[in-house]
Amino acid sequence: MKFLRQYVESMIEIDDNEWNKVTSLFTKKEYTKGQELFQAGDVCQKLYYISKGVVRMYSINTEGKDLTWMVNYHKDGYQLDPFSGDIVSYLTQTESTFFAEALEECIVYEADFSALDALYASSLKWMTLSRNILNQQLITMVQRTQMMQRLTAKEKYLLIKQIAPIYEEVLPDYQFATVLDITPQSLSRIKSQL
């Protein structure tokens, strides 16, 4: 959980006792390839920190199409979006529309959102951490929405290759295309043009 501590310390200063408060909330769990961390239809109650491995968050639309939302990746000292979970489902106490699937063997630390809420409410320092995490997530969501609306398919592809090449490496083309909000055929054409 070294990287998790670095993440927390990038937002607030903590000592070993405070770090122990954080780690006491998490339980280590191992997932095998194909195993689901959580499923659509359930109210999501946990935050998942991907300590090692790759997890794909996806949904199924009303037409039955599989849509990849994000990849949570932590391998070989590189991490990209290492947190999984559906905070909207938890906050609204409604059924999640997402699935989270291990794409390979994973080591995951899980914490109940309610336990994290209690920690955040316990002091100004932890409230600051919560606010900083939510601010980062909001920025990411707005930037992603803007990207989807203003960039061409080719521009989206080139940007994702630049900022998160892992997506193309770990996902088959039909799943990677859904990240870009384009068809697999469009993705194939873009690749052949480049």
C-alpha atoms as a PDB file:
ATOM      1  CA  MET A   1       0.000   0.000   0.000  1.00  0.00           C
ATOM      2  CA  LYS A   2       3.050   2.208  -0.455  1.00  0.00           C
ATOM      3  CA  PHE A   3       1.516   3.905  -3.500  1.00  0.00           C
ATOM      4  CA  LEU A   4      -1.740   4.553  -1.637  1.00  0.00           C
ATOM      5  CA  ARG A   5       0.182   6.316   1.114  1.00  0.00           C
ATOM      6  CA  GLN A   6       2.035   8.404  -1.489  1.00  0.00           C
ATOM      7  CA  TYR A   7      -1.325   9.302  -3.030  1.00  0.00           C
ATOM      8  CA  VAL A   8      -2.760  10.403   0.333  1.00  0.00           C
ATOM      9  CA  GLU A   9       0.421  12.329   1.199  1.00  0.00           C
ATOM     10  CA  SER A  10       0.247  14.170  -2.124  1.00  0.00           C
ATOM     11  CA  MET A  11      -2.927  15.788  -0.765  1.00  0.00           C
ATOM     12  CA  ILE A  12      -2.396  16.086   2.984  1.00  0.00           C
ATOM     13  CA  GLU A  13       0.396  15.549   5.502  1.00  0.00           C
ATOM     14  CA  ILE A  14      -0.025  12.485   7.708  1.00  0.00           C
ATOM     15  CA  ASP A  15       2.052  10.699  10.322  1.00  0.00           C
ATOM     16  CA  ASP A  16       2.318   6.952  10.951  1.00  0.00           C
ATOM     17  CA  ASN A  17      -0.576   6.928  13.435  1.00  0.00           C
ATOM     18  CA  GLU A  18      -2.841   8.643  10.949  1.00  0.00           C
ATOM     19  CA  TRP A  19      -1.716   6.263   8.216  1.00  0.00           C
ATOM     20  CA  ASN A  20      -2.622   3.359  10.492  1.00  0.00           C
ATOM     21  CA  LYS A  21      -6.164   4.783  10.726  1.00  0.00           C
ATOM     22  CA  VAL A  22      -6.381   4.601   6.940  1.00  0.00           C
ATOM     23  CA  THR A  23      -4.957   1.098   6.581  1.00  0.00           C
ATOM     24  CA  SER A  24      -7.239  -0.234   9.316  1.00  0.00           C
ATOM     25  CA  LEU A  25     -10.207   0.503   7.024  1.00  0.00           C
ATOM     26  CA  PHE A  26      -8.917  -1.643   4.159  1.00  0.00           C
ATOM     27  CA  THR A  27      -9.027  -5.408   3.722  1.00  0.00           C
ATOM     28  CA  LYS A  28      -6.751  -7.186   1.271  1.00  0.00           C
ATOM     29  CA  LYS A  29      -8.435  -9.426  -1.276  1.00  0.00           C
ATOM     30  CA  GLU A  30      -7.182 -11.307  -4.321  1.00  0.00           C
ATOM     31  CA  TYR A  31      -9.174 -11.649  -7.538  1.00  0.00           C
ATOM     32  CA  THR A  32      -8.588 -14.059 -10.379  1.00  0.00           C
ATOM     33  CA  LYS A  33      -8.877 -13.158 -14.060  1.00  0.00           C
ATOM     34  CA  GLY A  34     -12.539 -12.714 -14.999  1.00  0.00           C
ATOM     35  CA  GLN A  35     -13.763 -12.373 -11.427  1.00  0.00           C
ATOM     36  CA  GLU A  36     -16.020  -9.390 -10.692  1.00  0.00           C
ATOM     37  CA  LEU A  37     -15.268  -6.934  -7.897  1.00  0.00           C
ATOM     38  CA  PHE A  38     -18.827  -5.598  -8.042  1.00  0.00           C
ATOM     39  CA  GLN A  39     -21.854  -5.886 -10.311  1.00  0.00           C
ATOM     40  CA  ALA A  40     -24.503  -3.712 -11.874  1.00  0.00           C
ATOM     41  CA  GLY A  41     -27.808  -4.029 -10.039  1.00  0.00           C
ATOM     42  CA  ASP A  42     -26.225  -3.874  -6.573  1.00  0.00           C
ATOM     43  CA  VAL A  43     -25.763  -0.764  -4.472  1.00  0.00           C
ATOM     44  CA  CYS A  44     -21.989  -0.296  -4.428  1.00  0.00           C
ATOM     45  CA  GLN A  45     -20.764  -0.195  -0.833  1.00  0.00           C
ATOM     46  CA  LYS A  46     -16.985  -0.323  -1.289  1.00  0.00           C
ATOM     47  CA  LEU A  47     -14.024   1.571  -2.620  1.00  0.00           C
ATOM     48  CA  TYR A  48     -11.448  -0.674  -4.275  1.00  0.00           C
ATOM     49  CA  TYR A  49      -7.759   0.268  -4.396  1.00  0.00           C
ATOM     50  CA  ILE A  50      -6.016  -1.768  -7.091  1.00  0.00           C
ATOM     51  CA  SER A  51      -2.637  -2.549  -5.536  1.00  0.00           C
ATOM     52  CA  LYS A  52      -1.579  -4.850  -8.365  1.00  0.00           C
ATOM     53  CA  GLY A  53      -3.244  -5.788 -11.618  1.00  0.00           C
ATOM     54  CA  VAL A  54      -5.801  -4.483 -14.079  1.00  0.00           C
ATOM     55  CA  VAL A  55      -9.548  -3.950 -13.564  1.00  0.00           C
ATOM     56  CA  ARG A  56     -12.038  -2.829 -16.196  1.00  0.00           C
ATOM     57  CA  MET A  57     -15.174  -0.880 -15.234  1.00  0.00           C
ATOM     58  CA  TYR A  58     -17.927  -1.237 -17.790  1.00  0.00           C
ATOM     59  CA  SER A  59     -21.662  -1.060 -18.285  1.00  0.00           C
ATOM     60  CA  ILE A  60     -24.166  -2.704 -20.616  1.00  0.00           C
ATOM     61  CA  ASN A  61     -26.482  -0.304 -22.440  1.00  0.00           C
ATOM     62  CA  THR A  62     -30.148  -0.934 -23.232  1.00  0.00           C
ATOM     63  CA  GLU A  63     -29.167  -2.475 -26.585  1.00  0.00           C
ATOM     64  CA  GLY A  64     -26.899  -4.976 -24.808  1.00  0.00           C
ATOM     65  CA  LYS A  65     -23.694  -3.260 -25.924  1.00  0.00           C
ATOM     66  CA  ASP A  66     -20.676  -3.530 -23.612  1.00  0.00           C
ATOM     67  CA  LEU A  67     -19.269  -0.036 -22.886  1.00  0.00           C
ATOM     68  CA  THR A  68     -15.893   0.321 -21.159  1.00  0.00           C
ATOM     69  CA  TRP A  69     -15.894   3.258 -18.754  1.00  0.00           C
ATOM     70  CA  MET A  70     -12.360   3.068 -17.369  1.00  0.00           C
ATOM     71  CA  VAL A  71      -9.379   0.870 -16.681  1.00  0.00           C
ATOM     72  CA  ASN A  72      -7.880   0.762 -13.198  1.00  0.00           C
ATOM     73  CA  TYR A  73      -4.248  -0.201 -13.637  1.00  0.00           C
ATOM     74  CA  HIS A  74      -1.369  -0.776 -11.233  1.00  0.00           C
ATOM     75  CA  LYS A  75       1.590  -2.800 -12.469  1.00  0.00           C
ATOM     76  CA  ASP A  76       5.362  -2.549 -12.645  1.00  0.00           C
ATOM     77  CA  GLY A  77       5.418   0.662 -10.601  1.00  0.00           C
ATOM     78  CA  TYR A  78       2.946   2.419 -12.933  1.00  0.00           C
ATOM     79  CA  GLN A  79      -0.568   3.271 -11.863  1.00  0.00           C
ATOM     80  CA  LEU A  80      -3.489   4.807 -13.710  1.00  0.00           C
ATOM     81  CA  ASP A  81      -6.789   5.443 -11.937  1.00  0.00           C
ATOM     82  CA  PRO A  82      -6.010   2.845  -9.237  1.00  0.00           C
ATOM     83  CA  PHE A  83      -9.401   3.306  -7.533  1.00  0.00           C
ATOM     84  CA  SER A  84     -12.551   1.488  -8.559  1.00  0.00           C
ATOM     85  CA  GLY A  85     -16.071   1.671  -7.193  1.00  0.00           C
ATOM     86  CA  ASP A  86     -19.312   3.494  -7.895  1.00  0.00           C
ATOM     87  CA  ILE A  87     -19.535   6.467  -5.551  1.00  0.00           C
ATOM     88  CA  VAL A  88     -22.746   7.691  -7.227  1.00  0.00           C
ATOM     89  CA  SER A  89     -24.450   4.392  -6.428  1.00  0.00           C
ATOM     90  CA  TYR A  90     -23.307   4.652  -2.804  1.00  0.00           C
ATOM     91  CA  LEU A  91     -24.241   8.318  -2.326  1.00  0.00           C
ATOM     92  CA  THR A  92     -27.693   7.918  -3.887  1.00  0.00           C
ATOM     93  CA  GLN A  93     -28.207   4.381  -2.539  1.00  0.00           C
ATOM     94  CA  THR A  94     -29.309   3.281  -5.996  1.00  0.00           C
ATOM     95  CA  GLU A  95     -28.319   0.270  -8.035  1.00  0.00           C
ATOM     96  CA  SER A  96     -25.004   0.615  -9.804  1.00  0.00           C
ATOM     97  CA  THR A  97     -25.000   0.517 -13.591  1.00  0.00           C
ATOM     98  CA  PHE A  98     -21.386  -0.671 -13.616  1.00  0.00           C
ATOM     99  CA  PHE A  99     -19.528  -3.943 -13.450  1.00  0.00           C
ATOM    100  CA  ALA A 100     -15.865  -4.170 -12.428  1.00  0.00           C
ATOM    101  CA  GLU A 101     -13.943  -7.151 -13.791  1.00  0.00           C
ATOM    102  CA  ALA A 102     -10.386  -8.278 -13.077  1.00  0.00           C
ATOM    103  CA  LEU A 103      -8.585  -8.565 -16.422  1.00  0.00           C
ATOM    104  CA  GLU A 104      -5.828 -10.564 -14.732  1.00  0.00           C
ATOM    105  CA  GLU A 105      -4.937 -11.691 -11.231  1.00  0.00           C
ATOM    106  CA  CYS A 106      -5.257  -8.678  -8.940  1.00  0.00           C
ATOM    107  CA  ILE A 107      -4.433  -7.681  -5.394  1.00  0.00           C
ATOM    108  CA  VAL A 108      -7.086  -5.254  -4.186  1.00  0.00           C
ATOM    109  CA  TYR A 109      -7.605  -3.412  -0.909  1.00  0.00           C
ATOM    110  CA  GLU A 110     -11.279  -2.797  -0.140  1.00  0.00           C
ATOM    111  CA  ALA A 111     -12.835  -0.281   2.244  1.00  0.00           C
ATOM    112  CA  ASP A 112     -16.480   0.391   3.037  1.00  0.00           C
ATOM    113  CA  PHE A 113     -17.571   3.812   1.823  1.00  0.00           C
ATOM    114  CA  SER A 114     -19.391   4.278   5.147  1.00  0.00           C
ATOM    115  CA  ALA A 115     -16.140   3.714   7.106  1.00  0.00           C
ATOM    116  CA  LEU A 116     -14.339   6.194   4.859  1.00  0.00           C
ATOM    117  CA  ASP A 117     -17.175   8.701   5.420  1.00  0.00           C
ATOM    118  CA  ALA A 118     -16.737   8.330   9.184  1.00  0.00           C
ATOM    119  CA  LEU A 119     -12.986   8.984   8.833  1.00  0.00           C
ATOM    120  CA  TYR A 120     -13.599  12.047   6.643  1.00  0.00           C
ATOM    121  CA  ALA A 121     -16.063  13.434   9.211  1.00  0.00           C
ATOM    122  CA  SER A 122     -13.643  12.939  12.116  1.00  0.00           C
ATOM    123  CA  SER A 123     -11.414  15.985  11.484  1.00  0.00           C
ATOM    124  CA  LEU A 124     -10.686  18.874   9.183  1.00  0.00           C
ATOM    125  CA  LYS A 125      -7.599  17.086   7.838  1.00  0.00           C
ATOM    126  CA  TRP A 126      -9.620  14.095   6.639  1.00  0.00           C
ATOM    127  CA  MET A 127     -12.357  16.381   5.269  1.00  0.00           C
ATOM    128  CA  THR A 128      -9.637  18.124   3.251  1.00  0.00           C
ATOM    129  CA  LEU A 129      -8.503  14.778   1.852  1.00  0.00           C
ATOM    130  CA  SER A 130     -12.067  13.916   0.878  1.00  0.00           C
ATOM    131  CA  ARG A 131     -12.564  17.289  -0.797  1.00  0.00           C
ATOM    132  CA  ASN A 132      -9.270  16.976  -2.698  1.00  0.00           C
ATOM    133  CA  ILE A 133     -10.151  13.485  -3.945  1.00  0.00           C
ATOM    134  CA  LEU A 134     -13.610  14.593  -5.064  1.00  0.00           C
ATOM    135  CA  ASN A 135     -12.150  17.682  -6.758  1.00  0.00           C
ATOM    136  CA  GLN A 136      -9.710  15.500  -8.703  1.00  0.00           C
ATOM    137  CA  GLN A 137     -12.518  13.187  -9.770  1.00  0.00           C
ATOM    138  CA  LEU A 138     -14.685  16.123 -10.849  1.00  0.00           C
ATOM    139  CA  ILE A 139     -11.854  17.583 -12.934  1.00  0.00           C
ATOM    140  CA  THR A 140     -11.310  14.211 -14.611  1.00  0.00           C
ATOM    141  CA  MET A 141     -15.028  13.845 -15.381  1.00  0.00           C
ATOM    142  CA  VAL A 142     -15.356  17.329 -16.858  1.00  0.00           C
ATOM    143  CA  GLN A 143     -12.204  16.925 -18.947  1.00  0.00           C
ATOM    144  CA  ARG A 144     -13.393  13.549 -20.223  1.00  0.00           C
ATOM    145  CA  THR A 145     -16.823  14.939 -21.138  1.00  0.00           C
ATOM    146  CA  GLN A 146     -15.255  17.897 -22.939  1.00  0.00           C
ATOM    147  CA  MET A 147     -12.895  15.580 -24.802  1.00  0.00           C
ATOM    148  CA  MET A 148     -15.758  13.405 -25.990  1.00  0.00           C
ATOM    149  CA  GLN A 149     -17.720  16.420 -27.189  1.00  0.00           C
ATOM    150  CA  ARG A 150     -15.068  18.522 -28.883  1.00  0.00           C
ATOM    151  CA  LEU A 151     -12.459  16.167 -30.328  1.00  0.00           C
ATOM    152  CA  THR A 152     -12.693  14.153 -33.506  1.00  0.00           C
ATOM    153  CA  ALA A 153     -12.369  10.382 -33.317  1.00  0.00           C
ATOM    154  CA  LYS A 154      -8.767  10.579 -34.529  1.00  0.00           C
ATOM    155  CA  GLU A 155      -7.915  13.297 -31.982  1.00  0.00           C
ATOM    156  CA  LYS A 156      -9.448  11.220 -29.155  1.00  0.00           C
ATOM    157  CA  TYR A 157      -7.426   8.194 -30.230  1.00  0.00           C
ATOM    158  CA  LEU A 158      -4.152  10.141 -30.350  1.00  0.00           C
ATOM    159  CA  LEU A 159      -4.834  11.795 -26.994  1.00  0.00           C
ATOM    160  CA  ILE A 160      -5.600   8.498 -25.230  1.00  0.00           C
ATOM    161  CA  LYS A 161      -2.473   6.942 -26.769  1.00  0.00           C
ATOM    162  CA  GLN A 162      -0.492   9.847 -25.347  1.00  0.00           C
ATOM    163  CA  ILE A 163      -1.950  10.128 -21.831  1.00  0.00           C
ATOM    164  CA  ALA A 164      -3.084   6.543 -21.155  1.00  0.00           C
ATOM    165  CA  PRO A 165      -1.522   4.067 -23.618  1.00  0.00           C
ATOM    166  CA  ILE A 166      -2.423   1.258 -21.219  1.00  0.00           C
ATOM    167  CA  TYR A 167      -6.010   1.293 -22.524  1.00  0.00           C
ATOM    168  CA  GLU A 168      -4.973   0.114 -25.958  1.00  0.00           C
ATOM    169  CA  GLU A 169      -2.515  -2.391 -24.502  1.00  0.00           C
ATOM    170  CA  VAL A 170      -4.939  -4.169 -22.165  1.00  0.00           C
ATOM    171  CA  LEU A 171      -8.246  -3.926 -24.041  1.00  0.00           C
ATOM    172  CA  PRO A 172      -9.300  -5.654 -27.254  1.00  0.00           C
ATOM    173  CA  ASP A 173     -10.147  -3.164 -30.016  1.00  0.00           C
ATOM    174  CA  TYR A 174     -13.922  -3.527 -29.622  1.00  0.00           C
ATOM    175  CA  GLN A 175     -13.654  -2.487 -25.931  1.00  0.00           C
ATOM    176  CA  PHE A 176     -11.067   0.216 -26.607  1.00  0.00           C
ATOM    177  CA  ALA A 177     -13.388   1.717 -29.248  1.00  0.00           C
ATOM    178  CA  THR A 178     -16.116   2.180 -26.608  1.00  0.00           C
ATOM    179  CA  VAL A 179     -13.706   4.195 -24.450  1.00  0.00           C
ATOM    180  CA  LEU A 180     -13.355   6.581 -27.405  1.00  0.00           C
ATOM    181  CA  ASP A 181     -17.107   6.475 -28.083  1.00  0.00           C
ATOM    182  CA  ILE A 182     -16.541   5.266 -31.635  1.00  0.00           C
ATOM    183  CA  THR A 183     -17.266   2.039 -33.516  1.00  0.00           C
ATOM    184  CA  PRO A 184     -14.614  -0.682 -33.857  1.00  0.00           C
ATOM    185  CA  GLN A 185     -14.716  -0.029 -37.612  1.00  0.00           C
ATOM    186  CA  SER A 186     -13.844   3.650 -37.065  1.00  0.00           C
ATOM    187  CA  LEU A 187     -10.991   2.637 -34.779  1.00  0.00           C
ATOM    188  CA  SER A 188      -9.690   0.246 -37.429  1.00  0.00           C
ATOM    189  CA  ARG A 189      -9.803   3.011 -40.072  1.00  0.00           C
ATOM    190  CA  ILE A 190      -7.949   5.450 -37.805  1.00  0.00           C
ATOM    191  CA  LYS A 191      -5.233   2.886 -37.092  1.00  0.00           C
ATOM    192  CA  SER A 192      -4.794   2.080 -40.782  1.00  0.00           C
ATOM    193  CA  GLN A 193      -4.497   5.810 -41.621  1.00  0.00           C
ATOM    194  CA  LEU A 194      -1.741   6.246 -39.052  1.00  0.00           C
END
